[in-house]
C-alpha atoms as a PDB file:
ATOM      1  CA  MET A   1     -84.248   3.643   6.592  1.00  0.00           C
ATOM      2  CA  ASN A   2     -84.509   2.196   3.169  1.00  0.00           C
ATOM      3  CA  ALA A   3     -81.930  -0.086   1.539  1.00  0.00           C
ATOM      4  CA  LYS A   4     -80.380   2.705  -0.506  1.00  0.00           C
ATOM      5  CA  THR A   5     -79.857   4.880   2.569  1.00  0.00           C
ATOM      6  CA  ARG A   6     -78.307   1.945   4.510  1.00  0.00           C
ATOM      7  CA  MET A   7     -75.860   1.251   1.652  1.00  0.00           C
ATOM      8  CA  MET A   8     -74.793   4.895   1.475  1.00  0.00           C
ATOM      9  CA  THR A   9     -74.196   4.931   5.245  1.00  0.00           C
ATOM     10  CA  MET A  10     -72.126   1.725   5.055  1.00  0.00           C
ATOM     11  CA  ASP A  11     -70.058   3.173   2.186  1.00  0.00           C
ATOM     12  CA  ARG A  12     -69.319   6.315   4.163  1.00  0.00           C
ATOM     13  CA  ASN A  13     -68.336   4.296   7.246  1.00  0.00           C
ATOM     14  CA  GLY A  14     -66.144   1.962   5.169  1.00  0.00           C
ATOM     15  CA  HIS A  15     -64.420   4.914   3.526  1.00  0.00           C
ATOM     16  CA  HIS A  16     -63.762   6.478   6.922  1.00  0.00           C
ATOM     17  CA  ARG A  17     -62.298   3.192   8.270  1.00  0.00           C
ATOM     18  CA  THR A  18     -60.068   2.740   5.182  1.00  0.00           C
ATOM     19  CA  ALA A  19     -58.789   6.312   5.435  1.00  0.00           C
ATOM     20  CA  ALA A  20     -58.085   5.806   9.148  1.00  0.00           C
ATOM     21  CA  MET A  21     -56.187   2.572   8.474  1.00  0.00           C
ATOM     22  CA  ALA A  22     -54.118   4.225   5.704  1.00  0.00           C
ATOM     23  CA  SER A  23     -53.304   7.121   7.984  1.00  0.00           C
ATOM     24  CA  ALA A  24     -52.219   4.764  10.772  1.00  0.00           C
ATOM     25  CA  MET A  25     -50.041   2.724   8.386  1.00  0.00           C
ATOM     26  CA  SER A  26     -48.398   5.899   7.043  1.00  0.00           C
ATOM     27  CA  ALA A  27     -47.652   7.055  10.564  1.00  0.00           C
ATOM     28  CA  ALA A  28     -46.164   3.676  11.467  1.00  0.00           C
ATOM     29  CA  THR A  29     -44.008   3.638   8.349  1.00  0.00           C
ATOM     30  CA  ALA A  30     -42.761   7.156   8.999  1.00  0.00           C
ATOM     31  CA  GLY A  31     -41.948   6.205  12.587  1.00  0.00           C
ATOM     32  CA  ALA A  32     -39.980   3.152  11.457  1.00  0.00           C
ATOM     33  CA  VAL A  33     -37.998   5.184   8.916  1.00  0.00           C
ATOM     34  CA  ALA A  34     -37.236   7.807  11.547  1.00  0.00           C
ATOM     35  CA  THR A  35     -36.042   5.099  13.956  1.00  0.00           C
ATOM     36  CA  VAL A  36     -33.722   3.570  11.338  1.00  0.00           C
ATOM     37  CA  LEU A  37     -32.291   6.978  10.406  1.00  0.00           C
ATOM     38  CA  ALA A  38     -31.703   7.881  14.030  1.00  0.00           C
ATOM     39  CA  ALA A  39     -29.903   4.581  14.639  1.00  0.00           C
ATOM     40  CA  ALA A  40     -27.743   5.067  11.547  1.00  0.00           C
ATOM     41  CA  LEU A  41     -26.790   8.580  12.603  1.00  0.00           C
ATOM     42  CA  ALA A  42     -25.939   7.365  16.096  1.00  0.00           C
ATOM     43  CA  MET A  43     -23.534   4.711  14.771  1.00  0.00           C
ATOM     44  CA  PRO A  44     -19.875   5.730  14.309  1.00  0.00           C
ATOM     45  CA  GLN A  45     -19.097   6.238  10.621  1.00  0.00           C
ATOM     46  CA  ALA A  46     -16.042   4.555   9.079  1.00  0.00           C
ATOM     47  CA  HIS A  47     -13.705   6.809   7.145  1.00  0.00           C
ATOM     48  CA  ALA A  48     -11.082   5.734   4.619  1.00  0.00           C
ATOM     49  CA  VAL A  49      -7.516   6.236   5.771  1.00  0.00           C
ATOM     50  CA  GLU A  50      -4.907   6.746   3.073  1.00  0.00           C
ATOM     51  CA  TYR A  51      -1.243   6.553   4.050  1.00  0.00           C
ATOM     52  CA  SER A  52       0.602   8.700   1.557  1.00  0.00           C
ATOM     53  CA  GLN A  53       2.959  11.082   3.354  1.00  0.00           C
ATOM     54  CA  VAL A  54       6.303   9.221   3.497  1.00  0.00           C
ATOM     55  CA  GLN A  55       8.578  10.327   6.333  1.00  0.00           C
ATOM     56  CA  PRO A  56      12.168  10.022   5.015  1.00  0.00           C
ATOM     57  CA  ALA A  57      13.779  10.559   8.422  1.00  0.00           C
ATOM     58  CA  GLN A  58      11.922   7.522   9.811  1.00  0.00           C
ATOM     59  CA  SER A  59      12.360   5.378   6.677  1.00  0.00           C
ATOM     60  CA  SER A  60      15.256   3.372   5.289  1.00  0.00           C
ATOM     61  CA  ILE A  61      16.320   1.228   2.349  1.00  0.00           C
ATOM     62  CA  ALA A  62      19.177  -1.107   3.181  1.00  0.00           C
ATOM     63  CA  PHE A  63      20.853  -4.200   1.766  1.00  0.00           C
ATOM     64  CA  LYS A  64      23.046  -7.110   2.779  1.00  0.00           C
ATOM     65  CA  TYR A  65      25.224  -9.585   0.906  1.00  0.00           C
ATOM     66  CA  GLN A  66      28.204 -11.867   1.386  1.00  0.00           C
ATOM     67  CA  GLN A  67      31.795 -11.096   0.438  1.00  0.00           C
ATOM     68  CA  MET A  68      34.182 -14.041   0.679  1.00  0.00           C
ATOM     69  CA  GLY A  69      31.621 -15.752   2.907  1.00  0.00           C
ATOM     70  CA  VAL A  70      31.399 -12.817   5.315  1.00  0.00           C
ATOM     71  CA  ASP A  71      28.104 -10.992   5.862  1.00  0.00           C
ATOM     72  CA  MET A  72      28.221  -7.360   4.735  1.00  0.00           C
ATOM     73  CA  ASP A  73      25.587  -4.667   4.791  1.00  0.00           C
ATOM     74  CA  GLY A  74      24.895  -1.109   3.744  1.00  0.00           C
ATOM     75  CA  LYS A  75      22.149   1.387   2.962  1.00  0.00           C
ATOM     76  CA  PHE A  76      21.086   4.166   0.643  1.00  0.00           C
ATOM     77  CA  LYS A  77      20.823   7.559   2.298  1.00  0.00           C
ATOM     78  CA  ARG A  78      18.597   9.280  -0.251  1.00  0.00           C
ATOM     79  CA  PHE A  79      15.497   8.206  -2.145  1.00  0.00           C
ATOM     80  CA  ASN A  80      12.283   9.735  -3.420  1.00  0.00           C
ATOM     81  CA  SER A  81       8.952   8.010  -3.022  1.00  0.00           C
ATOM     82  CA  GLU A  82       5.284   8.141  -3.908  1.00  0.00           C
ATOM     83  CA  LEU A  83       2.840   6.063  -1.893  1.00  0.00           C
ATOM     84  CA  SER A  84      -0.919   5.606  -1.687  1.00  0.00           C
ATOM     85  CA  PHE A  85      -2.252   2.877   0.608  1.00  0.00           C
ATOM     86  CA  ASP A  86      -5.730   2.434   2.090  1.00  0.00           C
ATOM     87  CA  PRO A  87      -5.967  -0.809   4.149  1.00  0.00           C
ATOM     88  CA  GLU A  88      -9.657  -1.108   3.190  1.00  0.00           C
ATOM     89  CA  GLN A  89      -8.778  -0.976  -0.512  1.00  0.00           C
ATOM     90  CA  ALA A  90      -5.345  -2.572  -0.545  1.00  0.00           C
ATOM     91  CA  THR A  91      -5.625  -3.823  -4.131  1.00  0.00           C
ATOM     92  CA  LYS A  92      -5.743  -0.195  -5.296  1.00  0.00           C
ATOM     93  CA  ALA A  93      -2.488   0.702  -3.544  1.00  0.00           C
ATOM     94  CA  ARG A  94       0.343   2.320  -5.515  1.00  0.00           C
ATOM     95  CA  ALA A  95       4.006   2.802  -4.772  1.00  0.00           C
ATOM     96  CA  ARG A  96       7.074   4.169  -6.505  1.00  0.00           C
ATOM     97  CA  PHE A  97      10.614   4.501  -5.203  1.00  0.00           C
ATOM     98  CA  ASP A  98      13.572   6.177  -6.908  1.00  0.00           C
ATOM     99  CA  ILE A  99      16.861   5.475  -5.130  1.00  0.00           C
ATOM    100  CA  GLU A 100      19.898   7.707  -5.601  1.00  0.00           C
ATOM    101  CA  LEU A 101      22.598   5.089  -6.115  1.00  0.00           C
ATOM    102  CA  ALA A 102      25.442   7.530  -5.390  1.00  0.00           C
ATOM    103  CA  SER A 103      24.058   7.882  -1.868  1.00  0.00           C
ATOM    104  CA  ILE A 104      25.220   4.350  -1.050  1.00  0.00           C
ATOM    105  CA  ASP A 105      26.771   3.903   2.380  1.00  0.00           C
ATOM    106  CA  THR A 106      28.799   0.737   2.831  1.00  0.00           C
ATOM    107  CA  GLY A 107      30.508   1.993   5.969  1.00  0.00           C
ATOM    108  CA  ALA A 108      33.745   2.960   4.148  1.00  0.00           C
ATOM    109  CA  SER A 109      34.183   5.923   1.775  1.00  0.00           C
ATOM    110  CA  GLU A 110      36.639   3.989  -0.432  1.00  0.00           C
ATOM    111  CA  SER A 111      34.077   1.235  -0.959  1.00  0.00           C
ATOM    112  CA  ASP A 112      31.351   3.797  -1.651  1.00  0.00           C
ATOM    113  CA  GLU A 113      33.414   5.359  -4.437  1.00  0.00           C
ATOM    114  CA  GLU A 114      34.255   1.969  -5.926  1.00  0.00           C
ATOM    115  CA  VAL A 115      30.677   0.725  -5.941  1.00  0.00           C
ATOM    116  CA  ALA A 116      29.519   3.965  -7.608  1.00  0.00           C
ATOM    117  CA  GLY A 117      31.977   3.305 -10.450  1.00  0.00           C
ATOM    118  CA  LYS A 118      31.293   1.821 -13.861  1.00  0.00           C
ATOM    119  CA  PRO A 119      31.770  -1.900 -13.070  1.00  0.00           C
ATOM    120  CA  TRP A 120      29.191  -1.732 -10.295  1.00  0.00           C
ATOM    121  CA  PHE A 121      26.384   0.847 -10.336  1.00  0.00           C
ATOM    122  CA  ASN A 122      27.877   3.221 -12.925  1.00  0.00           C
ATOM    123  CA  THR A 123      26.044   6.122 -11.277  1.00  0.00           C
ATOM    124  CA  LYS A 124      27.156   8.643 -13.941  1.00  0.00           C
ATOM    125  CA  ALA A 125      25.149   6.796 -16.588  1.00  0.00           C
ATOM    126  CA  PHE A 126      22.468   5.383 -14.278  1.00  0.00           C
ATOM    127  CA  PRO A 127      22.030   7.704 -11.295  1.00  0.00           C
ATOM    128  CA  THR A 128      18.886   6.054  -9.943  1.00  0.00           C
ATOM    129  CA  ALA A 129      17.311   2.674  -9.434  1.00  0.00           C
ATOM    130  CA  SER A 130      13.526   2.517  -9.390  1.00  0.00           C
ATOM    131  CA  PHE A 131      10.670   0.308  -8.301  1.00  0.00           C
ATOM    132  CA  VAL A 132       7.133   0.875  -9.611  1.00  0.00           C
ATOM    133  CA  SER A 133       4.286  -1.256  -8.291  1.00  0.00           C
ATOM    134  CA  SER A 134       1.714  -2.797 -10.612  1.00  0.00           C
ATOM    135  CA  ALA A 135      -0.460  -4.920  -8.276  1.00  0.00           C
ATOM    136  CA  VAL A 136      -0.987  -5.615  -4.581  1.00  0.00           C
ATOM    137  CA  LYS A 137      -2.294  -8.941  -3.292  1.00  0.00           C
ATOM    138  CA  PRO A 138      -3.540  -9.159   0.339  1.00  0.00           C
ATOM    139  CA  LEU A 139      -2.457 -12.384   2.088  1.00  0.00           C
ATOM    140  CA  GLY A 140      -4.183 -11.832   5.433  1.00  0.00           C
ATOM    141  CA  ASN A 141      -2.825 -10.777   8.827  1.00  0.00           C
ATOM    142  CA  ASN A 142      -1.581  -7.476   7.370  1.00  0.00           C
ATOM    143  CA  ARG A 143       0.738  -9.247   4.928  1.00  0.00           C
ATOM    144  CA  TYR A 144       0.857  -8.481   1.213  1.00  0.00           C
ATOM    145  CA  GLU A 145       2.574  -9.334  -2.040  1.00  0.00           C
ATOM    146  CA  VAL A 146       3.534  -6.275  -4.033  1.00  0.00           C
ATOM    147  CA  ARG A 147       4.227  -6.942  -7.681  1.00  0.00           C
ATOM    148  CA  GLY A 148       6.112  -4.439  -9.793  1.00  0.00           C
ATOM    149  CA  LYS A 149       9.092  -3.593 -11.960  1.00  0.00           C
ATOM    150  CA  LEU A 150      12.574  -3.041 -10.588  1.00  0.00           C
ATOM    151  CA  THR A 151      15.036  -1.169 -12.792  1.00  0.00           C
ATOM    152  CA  ILE A 152      18.780  -0.968 -12.120  1.00  0.00           C
ATOM    153  CA  LYS A 153      21.439   0.078 -14.660  1.00  0.00           C
ATOM    154  CA  GLY A 154      18.823   0.211 -17.408  1.00  0.00           C
ATOM    155  CA  LYS A 155      17.766  -3.403 -16.863  1.00  0.00           C
ATOM    156  CA  THR A 156      14.221  -4.137 -15.716  1.00  0.00           C
ATOM    157  CA  GLN A 157      12.938  -7.227 -13.940  1.00  0.00           C
ATOM    158  CA  GLU A 158       9.439  -8.145 -12.786  1.00  0.00           C
ATOM    159  CA  VAL A 159       9.611  -8.806  -9.037  1.00  0.00           C
ATOM    160  CA  VAL A 160       7.266  -9.766  -6.200  1.00  0.00           C
ATOM    161  CA  VAL A 161       7.988  -8.106  -2.871  1.00  0.00           C
ATOM    162  CA  PRO A 162       6.664  -9.633   0.398  1.00  0.00           C
ATOM    163  CA  ALA A 163       5.592  -6.816   2.722  1.00  0.00           C
ATOM    164  CA  SER A 164       3.806  -6.220   5.994  1.00  0.00           C
ATOM    165  CA  PHE A 165       1.829  -3.255   7.283  1.00  0.00           C
ATOM    166  CA  THR A 166       1.394  -1.983  10.832  1.00  0.00           C
ATOM    167  CA  ALA A 167      -0.949   0.871  11.736  1.00  0.00           C
ATOM    168  CA  ARG A 168      -0.092   3.083  14.692  1.00  0.00           C
ATOM    169  CA  GLY A 169      -2.785   5.726  14.798  1.00  0.00           C
ATOM    170  CA  LYS A 170      -2.302   8.005  11.816  1.00  0.00           C
ATOM    171  CA  THR A 171       1.091   6.471  11.070  1.00  0.00           C
ATOM    172  CA  GLY A 172       1.581   3.395   8.906  1.00  0.00           C
ATOM    173  CA  ILE A 173       4.743   1.291   8.876  1.00  0.00           C
ATOM    174  CA  PHE A 174       5.660  -0.885   5.901  1.00  0.00           C
ATOM    175  CA  ASP A 175       8.399  -3.530   6.187  1.00  0.00           C
ATOM    176  CA  GLY A 176       9.650  -6.019   3.656  1.00  0.00           C
ATOM    177  CA  ASN A 177      12.587  -7.515   1.852  1.00  0.00           C
ATOM    178  CA  LEU A 178      13.468  -8.782  -1.578  1.00  0.00           C
ATOM    179  CA  THR A 179      16.330 -10.986  -2.740  1.00  0.00           C
ATOM    180  CA  ILE A 180      17.703 -10.037  -6.145  1.00  0.00           C
ATOM    181  CA  LYS A 181      20.467 -11.508  -8.286  1.00  0.00           C
ATOM    182  CA  ARG A 182      23.056  -8.827  -8.941  1.00  0.00           C
ATOM    183  CA  GLY A 183      24.014 -10.645 -12.129  1.00  0.00           C
ATOM    184  CA  ASP A 184      20.528  -9.941 -13.537  1.00  0.00           C
ATOM    185  CA  PHE A 185      21.308  -6.212 -13.386  1.00  0.00           C
ATOM    186  CA  ALA A 186      25.009  -6.323 -14.304  1.00  0.00           C
ATOM    187  CA  ILE A 187      25.979  -5.077 -10.844  1.00  0.00           C
ATOM    188  CA  GLY A 188      29.625  -6.053 -10.913  1.00  0.00           C
ATOM    189  CA  GLU A 189      31.077  -6.365 -14.406  1.00  0.00           C
ATOM    190  CA  GLY A 190      34.400  -7.627 -15.722  1.00  0.00           C
ATOM    191  CA  PRO A 191      36.289  -9.593 -13.061  1.00  0.00           C
ATOM    192  CA  TRP A 192      33.449  -8.921 -10.610  1.00  0.00           C
ATOM    193  CA  ALA A 193      30.921 -10.739 -12.788  1.00  0.00           C
ATOM    194  CA  LYS A 194      31.904 -13.973 -11.091  1.00  0.00           C
ATOM    195  CA  PHE A 195      30.393 -14.797  -7.738  1.00  0.00           C
ATOM    196  CA  ASP A 196      33.414 -16.319  -6.009  1.00  0.00           C
ATOM    197  CA  ILE A 197      34.278 -13.128  -4.091  1.00  0.00           C
ATOM    198  CA  VAL A 198      30.979 -11.231  -3.964  1.00  0.00           C
ATOM    199  CA  ALA A 199      27.894 -13.444  -3.834  1.00  0.00           C
ATOM    200  CA  ASN A 200      25.175 -13.157  -6.455  1.00  0.00           C
ATOM    201  CA  ASP A 201      22.332 -12.812  -3.935  1.00  0.00           C
ATOM    202  CA  VAL A 202      21.639  -9.371  -2.498  1.00  0.00           C
ATOM    203  CA  VAL A 203      18.856  -8.873   0.043  1.00  0.00           C
ATOM    204  CA  VAL A 204      17.180  -5.470  -0.159  1.00  0.00           C
ATOM    205  CA  LYS A 205      15.311  -4.474   2.997  1.00  0.00           C
ATOM    206  CA  PHE A 206      12.968  -1.529   3.383  1.00  0.00           C
ATOM    207  CA  HIS A 207      11.310   0.168   6.329  1.00  0.00           C
ATOM    208  CA  ILE A 208       8.898   2.895   5.245  1.00  0.00           C
ATOM    209  CA  THR A 209       6.989   5.162   7.603  1.00  0.00           C
ATOM    210  CA  ALA A 210       4.073   7.129   6.176  1.00  0.00           C
ATOM    211  CA  ASN A 211       1.472   9.399   7.733  1.00  0.00           C
ATOM    212  CA  ALA A 212      -2.191   9.419   6.809  1.00  0.00           C
ATOM    213  CA  ARG A 213      -3.471  12.540   5.141  1.00  0.00           C
END
């Protein structure tokens, strides 16, 4: 066998070995990809949960204050709400509440009628109070700060509401409270503008139950 023949034989053998190596590497790569895909498909997939269906019968908006140093409380029986909350994307949460002020329940019908009158809520001119969120800040341990605008009797204040969230399956429970100054919203005009009989501080408490969609 001459030199030229030997070189041609070596080239053919080298080509065959290179092709075999490439084929083996391709097979190994394909096997690795298949293994990764199989593992990914076997893992449970996380799905976003958005709590947006408010359950009015299981929700409440209440308040408490002091009158002549005595603790008093009450609630609002009717309110409309819009809510969108995904615990995995809490900063994108949105909330709006419109409270029917004439639905106030102080425990006495005479007091309800008085508070609905012009010096207090003036429900004929301002039938609703509203809160519209603008930002949500997670604090850890399912606690949040919800910033937004509260409007009562045509007066708007920027407020920060401390809130907590508890998940129970497909039901989410939101609890929180906010202390407002009734004087900031002209709740109690004329002789009631002073705080010697009815205190200036009013604590608004909410308990909102919402289902995931």
